[in-house]
Amino acid sequence: MKASLRAKRFLQRGRWPGLFWFGAWTALVVLGIAIVGIFIFLRAAVIMNTTDFAVTNKRVILKRGWLNRRTQELAVGSIEGVALDQSFWARLWNYGHVVVTGTGEAVIRFPAMADPVAFRRAIETARAGQREVHLAAEDREALARAANDVEPEPAPRTQRRRSFIGLWN
């Protein structure tokens, strides 16, 4: 297998909606006279600059935190469902939450992101790519030979016997 096929490729990278940055800047300008506005702006800026979310051809990733880093990853092959949560205003401003559920109790709820439909579409594309089967040349040849050969008929069973629970095999 070529090294380039094994390399991780980013299919979609999440980004924050411009409306959220506008809200942070508005808080700084409007409440900037008061120290509260500065803290609101700094908190929003730190959260948005230290949160990364992305879809690769192998994983769905959410990384949060500045001093304490929290990472949630889910292999594309173990994803069971992808949900999109958008209110009326979120649809109007083109942002929303994507919720990815995996096997077991694995759930990743992404923060509000710009263009969540494209992010969900990238996850579905990655899932479709995982379903493709890539075979080596000798395996493809063996499958082709097996498909062209006629299977021999099974030998007839001459004797029936009872199994250990008393039923006929």
C-alpha atoms as a PDB file:
ATOM      1  CA  MET A   1       0.000   0.000   0.000  1.00  0.00           C
ATOM      2  CA  LYS A   2       1.356   3.394  -0.882  1.00  0.00           C
ATOM      3  CA  ALA A   3       2.322   5.744   1.924  1.00  0.00           C
ATOM      4  CA  SER A   4       0.129   8.448   0.427  1.00  0.00           C
ATOM      5  CA  LEU A   5      -2.995   6.285   0.834  1.00  0.00           C
ATOM      6  CA  ARG A   6      -2.299   5.826   4.528  1.00  0.00           C
ATOM      7  CA  ALA A   7      -1.759   9.529   5.165  1.00  0.00           C
ATOM      8  CA  LYS A   8      -4.473  11.430   6.954  1.00  0.00           C
ATOM      9  CA  ARG A   9      -6.307  13.964   4.788  1.00  0.00           C
ATOM     10  CA  PHE A  10      -8.487  16.754   6.111  1.00  0.00           C
ATOM     11  CA  LEU A  11     -11.863  16.726   4.411  1.00  0.00           C
ATOM     12  CA  GLN A  12     -13.418  19.635   6.289  1.00  0.00           C
ATOM     13  CA  ARG A  13     -12.201  21.957   8.992  1.00  0.00           C
ATOM     14  CA  GLY A  14     -14.732  23.599  11.274  1.00  0.00           C
ATOM     15  CA  ARG A  15     -14.759  27.324  11.875  1.00  0.00           C
ATOM     16  CA  TRP A  16     -16.608  29.703  14.148  1.00  0.00           C
ATOM     17  CA  PRO A  17     -19.522  31.724  12.795  1.00  0.00           C
ATOM     18  CA  GLY A  18     -18.739  35.384  12.146  1.00  0.00           C
ATOM     19  CA  LEU A  19     -21.733  36.295  14.290  1.00  0.00           C
ATOM     20  CA  PHE A  20     -19.934  34.939  17.364  1.00  0.00           C
ATOM     21  CA  TRP A  21     -16.869  37.107  16.702  1.00  0.00           C
ATOM     22  CA  PHE A  22     -19.189  40.051  16.158  1.00  0.00           C
ATOM     23  CA  GLY A  23     -20.751  39.370  19.573  1.00  0.00           C
ATOM     24  CA  ALA A  24     -17.353  39.250  21.264  1.00  0.00           C
ATOM     25  CA  TRP A  25     -16.259  42.517  19.639  1.00  0.00           C
ATOM     26  CA  THR A  26     -19.589  44.147  20.476  1.00  0.00           C
ATOM     27  CA  ALA A  27     -19.189  43.154  24.111  1.00  0.00           C
ATOM     28  CA  LEU A  28     -15.717  44.689  24.100  1.00  0.00           C
ATOM     29  CA  VAL A  29     -16.891  47.951  22.540  1.00  0.00           C
ATOM     30  CA  VAL A  30     -20.219  48.333  24.371  1.00  0.00           C
ATOM     31  CA  LEU A  31     -19.084  47.048  27.747  1.00  0.00           C
ATOM     32  CA  GLY A  32     -15.441  48.005  27.260  1.00  0.00           C
ATOM     33  CA  ILE A  33     -15.839  50.945  29.590  1.00  0.00           C
ATOM     34  CA  ALA A  34     -16.656  48.450  32.294  1.00  0.00           C
ATOM     35  CA  ILE A  35     -14.106  45.737  32.991  1.00  0.00           C
ATOM     36  CA  VAL A  36     -16.804  43.112  32.477  1.00  0.00           C
ATOM     37  CA  GLY A  37     -16.763  43.676  28.714  1.00  0.00           C
ATOM     38  CA  ILE A  38     -13.028  43.050  28.568  1.00  0.00           C
ATOM     39  CA  PHE A  39     -13.410  39.746  30.436  1.00  0.00           C
ATOM     40  CA  ILE A  40     -16.289  38.656  28.199  1.00  0.00           C
ATOM     41  CA  PHE A  41     -14.209  39.430  25.108  1.00  0.00           C
ATOM     42  CA  LEU A  42     -11.081  37.692  26.428  1.00  0.00           C
ATOM     43  CA  ARG A  43     -13.039  34.598  27.464  1.00  0.00           C
ATOM     44  CA  ALA A  44     -14.743  34.341  24.052  1.00  0.00           C
ATOM     45  CA  ALA A  45     -11.452  34.912  22.204  1.00  0.00           C
ATOM     46  CA  VAL A  46      -9.608  32.254  24.231  1.00  0.00           C
ATOM     47  CA  ILE A  47     -12.379  29.684  23.730  1.00  0.00           C
ATOM     48  CA  MET A  48     -12.620  30.300  19.989  1.00  0.00           C
ATOM     49  CA  ASN A  49      -8.846  30.303  19.450  1.00  0.00           C
ATOM     50  CA  THR A  50      -8.205  27.138  21.502  1.00  0.00           C
ATOM     51  CA  THR A  51     -11.010  24.991  20.100  1.00  0.00           C
ATOM     52  CA  ASP A  52     -10.383  22.955  16.947  1.00  0.00           C
ATOM     53  CA  PHE A  53     -12.805  20.639  15.198  1.00  0.00           C
ATOM     54  CA  ALA A  54     -12.159  18.749  12.005  1.00  0.00           C
ATOM     55  CA  VAL A  55     -13.042  15.744   9.875  1.00  0.00           C
ATOM     56  CA  THR A  56     -10.279  13.646   8.344  1.00  0.00           C
ATOM     57  CA  ASN A  57     -10.603  10.540   6.220  1.00  0.00           C
ATOM     58  CA  LYS A  58      -9.984   8.482   9.383  1.00  0.00           C
ATOM     59  CA  ARG A  59     -11.382  10.443  12.363  1.00  0.00           C
ATOM     60  CA  VAL A  60     -13.746  13.119  13.579  1.00  0.00           C
ATOM     61  CA  ILE A  61     -11.869  15.313  16.060  1.00  0.00           C
ATOM     62  CA  LEU A  62     -12.830  17.921  18.676  1.00  0.00           C
ATOM     63  CA  LYS A  63     -10.022  19.545  20.693  1.00  0.00           C
ATOM     64  CA  ARG A  64     -10.731  22.072  23.424  1.00  0.00           C
ATOM     65  CA  GLY A  65      -8.736  23.917  26.011  1.00  0.00           C
ATOM     66  CA  TRP A  66      -5.764  26.116  26.556  1.00  0.00           C
ATOM     67  CA  LEU A  67      -4.140  25.077  29.821  1.00  0.00           C
ATOM     68  CA  ASN A  68      -6.080  21.835  30.136  1.00  0.00           C
ATOM     69  CA  ARG A  69      -6.513  20.112  26.772  1.00  0.00           C
ATOM     70  CA  ARG A  70      -9.545  17.872  26.189  1.00  0.00           C
ATOM     71  CA  THR A  71      -9.681  15.832  23.003  1.00  0.00           C
ATOM     72  CA  GLN A  72     -12.584  13.775  21.698  1.00  0.00           C
ATOM     73  CA  GLU A  73     -11.974  11.596  18.662  1.00  0.00           C
ATOM     74  CA  LEU A  74     -14.181   9.094  16.932  1.00  0.00           C
ATOM     75  CA  ALA A  75     -13.037   6.738  14.193  1.00  0.00           C
ATOM     76  CA  VAL A  76     -15.050   7.225  11.023  1.00  0.00           C
ATOM     77  CA  GLY A  77     -15.805   3.502  10.856  1.00  0.00           C
ATOM     78  CA  SER A  78     -17.480   3.536  14.277  1.00  0.00           C
ATOM     79  CA  ILE A  79     -19.875   6.425  13.560  1.00  0.00           C
ATOM     80  CA  GLU A  80     -23.517   5.390  13.750  1.00  0.00           C
ATOM     81  CA  GLY A  81     -25.235   8.706  13.162  1.00  0.00           C
ATOM     82  CA  VAL A  82     -24.775  12.419  12.561  1.00  0.00           C
ATOM     83  CA  ALA A  83     -27.380  14.935  13.714  1.00  0.00           C
ATOM     84  CA  LEU A  84     -27.631  18.643  12.986  1.00  0.00           C
ATOM     85  CA  ASP A  85     -29.172  20.963  15.583  1.00  0.00           C
ATOM     86  CA  GLN A  86     -30.187  24.386  14.192  1.00  0.00           C
ATOM     87  CA  SER A  87     -32.748  26.835  15.486  1.00  0.00           C
ATOM     88  CA  PHE A  88     -34.532  29.330  13.260  1.00  0.00           C
ATOM     89  CA  TRP A  89     -31.965  32.050  14.010  1.00  0.00           C
ATOM     90  CA  ALA A  90     -29.104  29.606  13.544  1.00  0.00           C
ATOM     91  CA  ARG A  91     -30.419  28.686  10.088  1.00  0.00           C
ATOM     92  CA  LEU A  92     -30.827  32.368   9.262  1.00  0.00           C
ATOM     93  CA  TRP A  93     -27.199  33.123  10.248  1.00  0.00           C
ATOM     94  CA  ASN A  94     -25.896  29.740   8.940  1.00  0.00           C
ATOM     95  CA  TYR A  95     -24.519  28.238  12.123  1.00  0.00           C
ATOM     96  CA  GLY A  96     -25.463  25.258  14.278  1.00  0.00           C
ATOM     97  CA  HIS A  97     -24.373  22.272  16.334  1.00  0.00           C
ATOM     98  CA  VAL A  98     -23.366  18.913  14.882  1.00  0.00           C
ATOM     99  CA  VAL A  99     -23.817  15.855  17.118  1.00  0.00           C
ATOM    100  CA  VAL A 100     -21.949  12.677  16.167  1.00  0.00           C
ATOM    101  CA  THR A 101     -22.933   9.388  17.807  1.00  0.00           C
ATOM    102  CA  GLY A 102     -20.711   6.355  17.667  1.00  0.00           C
ATOM    103  CA  THR A 103     -20.876   2.766  18.758  1.00  0.00           C
ATOM    104  CA  GLY A 104     -21.543   2.291  22.434  1.00  0.00           C
ATOM    105  CA  GLU A 105     -22.019   5.509  24.356  1.00  0.00           C
ATOM    106  CA  ALA A 106     -19.650   7.656  22.287  1.00  0.00           C
ATOM    107  CA  VAL A 107     -21.170  11.066  21.557  1.00  0.00           C
ATOM    108  CA  ILE A 108     -19.394  14.199  20.383  1.00  0.00           C
ATOM    109  CA  ARG A 109     -21.413  17.436  20.488  1.00  0.00           C
ATOM    110  CA  PHE A 110     -19.539  20.077  18.573  1.00  0.00           C
ATOM    111  CA  PRO A 111     -19.826  23.727  19.556  1.00  0.00           C
ATOM    112  CA  ALA A 112     -21.702  26.098  17.283  1.00  0.00           C
ATOM    113  CA  MET A 113     -19.943  26.276  13.934  1.00  0.00           C
ATOM    114  CA  ALA A 114     -20.352  28.117  10.682  1.00  0.00           C
ATOM    115  CA  ASP A 115     -21.847  26.075   7.835  1.00  0.00           C
ATOM    116  CA  PRO A 116     -22.648  22.922   9.812  1.00  0.00           C
ATOM    117  CA  VAL A 117     -24.276  21.311   6.764  1.00  0.00           C
ATOM    118  CA  ALA A 118     -20.896  21.188   4.981  1.00  0.00           C
ATOM    119  CA  PHE A 119     -19.301  19.717   8.123  1.00  0.00           C
ATOM    120  CA  ARG A 120     -21.990  17.010   8.303  1.00  0.00           C
ATOM    121  CA  ARG A 121     -21.601  16.350   4.578  1.00  0.00           C
ATOM    122  CA  ALA A 122     -17.832  15.884   5.070  1.00  0.00           C
ATOM    123  CA  ILE A 123     -18.500  13.318   7.818  1.00  0.00           C
ATOM    124  CA  GLU A 124     -20.875  11.428   5.527  1.00  0.00           C
ATOM    125  CA  THR A 125     -18.280  11.532   2.735  1.00  0.00           C
ATOM    126  CA  ALA A 126     -15.642  10.117   5.078  1.00  0.00           C
ATOM    127  CA  ARG A 127     -18.061   7.372   6.162  1.00  0.00           C
ATOM    128  CA  ALA A 128     -18.746   6.471   2.528  1.00  0.00           C
ATOM    129  CA  GLY A 129     -15.003   6.324   1.850  1.00  0.00           C
ATOM    130  CA  GLN A 130     -14.529   3.888   4.754  1.00  0.00           C
ATOM    131  CA  ARG A 131     -17.014   1.467   3.189  1.00  0.00           C
ATOM    132  CA  GLU A 132     -14.907   1.098   0.055  1.00  0.00           C
ATOM    133  CA  VAL A 133     -12.811  -2.053  -0.027  1.00  0.00           C
ATOM    134  CA  HIS A 134      -9.264  -1.677  -1.293  1.00  0.00           C
ATOM    135  CA  LEU A 135      -7.690  -4.992  -2.313  1.00  0.00           C
ATOM    136  CA  ALA A 136      -4.175  -5.852  -3.336  1.00  0.00           C
ATOM    137  CA  ALA A 137      -3.659  -6.960  -6.955  1.00  0.00           C
ATOM    138  CA  GLU A 138      -3.189 -10.632  -6.006  1.00  0.00           C
ATOM    139  CA  ASP A 139      -6.405 -10.575  -3.961  1.00  0.00           C
ATOM    140  CA  ARG A 140      -8.346  -9.108  -6.885  1.00  0.00           C
ATOM    141  CA  GLU A 141      -6.943 -11.836  -9.147  1.00  0.00           C
ATOM    142  CA  ALA A 142      -7.905 -14.549  -6.666  1.00  0.00           C
ATOM    143  CA  LEU A 143     -11.463 -13.172  -6.467  1.00  0.00           C
ATOM    144  CA  ALA A 144     -11.699 -13.066 -10.262  1.00  0.00           C
ATOM    145  CA  ARG A 145     -10.500 -16.685 -10.524  1.00  0.00           C
ATOM    146  CA  ALA A 146     -12.990 -17.764  -7.853  1.00  0.00           C
ATOM    147  CA  ALA A 147     -15.842 -15.959  -9.620  1.00  0.00           C
ATOM    148  CA  ASN A 148     -15.084 -17.746 -12.916  1.00  0.00           C
ATOM    149  CA  ASP A 149     -14.713 -21.215 -11.385  1.00  0.00           C
ATOM    150  CA  VAL A 150     -17.716 -23.460 -10.881  1.00  0.00           C
ATOM    151  CA  GLU A 151     -18.126 -24.709  -7.349  1.00  0.00           C
ATOM    152  CA  PRO A 152     -18.249 -28.486  -6.966  1.00  0.00           C
ATOM    153  CA  GLU A 153     -21.530 -29.889  -5.756  1.00  0.00           C
ATOM    154  CA  PRO A 154     -21.506 -30.918  -2.119  1.00  0.00           C
ATOM    155  CA  ALA A 155     -21.516 -34.631  -1.350  1.00  0.00           C
ATOM    156  CA  PRO A 156     -24.975 -35.932  -0.410  1.00  0.00           C
ATOM    157  CA  ARG A 157     -25.542 -36.636   3.260  1.00  0.00           C
ATOM    158  CA  THR A 158     -26.306 -40.250   3.805  1.00  0.00           C
ATOM    159  CA  GLN A 159     -26.838 -40.384   7.512  1.00  0.00           C
ATOM    160  CA  ARG A 160     -28.644 -38.013   9.843  1.00  0.00           C
ATOM    161  CA  ARG A 161     -27.788 -37.909  13.493  1.00  0.00           C
ATOM    162  CA  ARG A 162     -29.108 -36.159  16.552  1.00  0.00           C
ATOM    163  CA  SER A 163     -27.226 -33.258  18.045  1.00  0.00           C
ATOM    164  CA  PHE A 164     -26.447 -33.065  21.740  1.00  0.00           C
ATOM    165  CA  ILE A 165     -29.723 -31.244  22.425  1.00  0.00           C
ATOM    166  CA  GLY A 166     -31.854 -33.839  20.662  1.00  0.00           C
ATOM    167  CA  LEU A 167     -32.545 -32.061  17.358  1.00  0.00           C
ATOM    168  CA  TRP A 168     -31.717 -33.365  13.895  1.00  0.00           C
ATOM    169  CA  ASN A 169     -28.703 -31.846  12.157  1.00  0.00           C
END
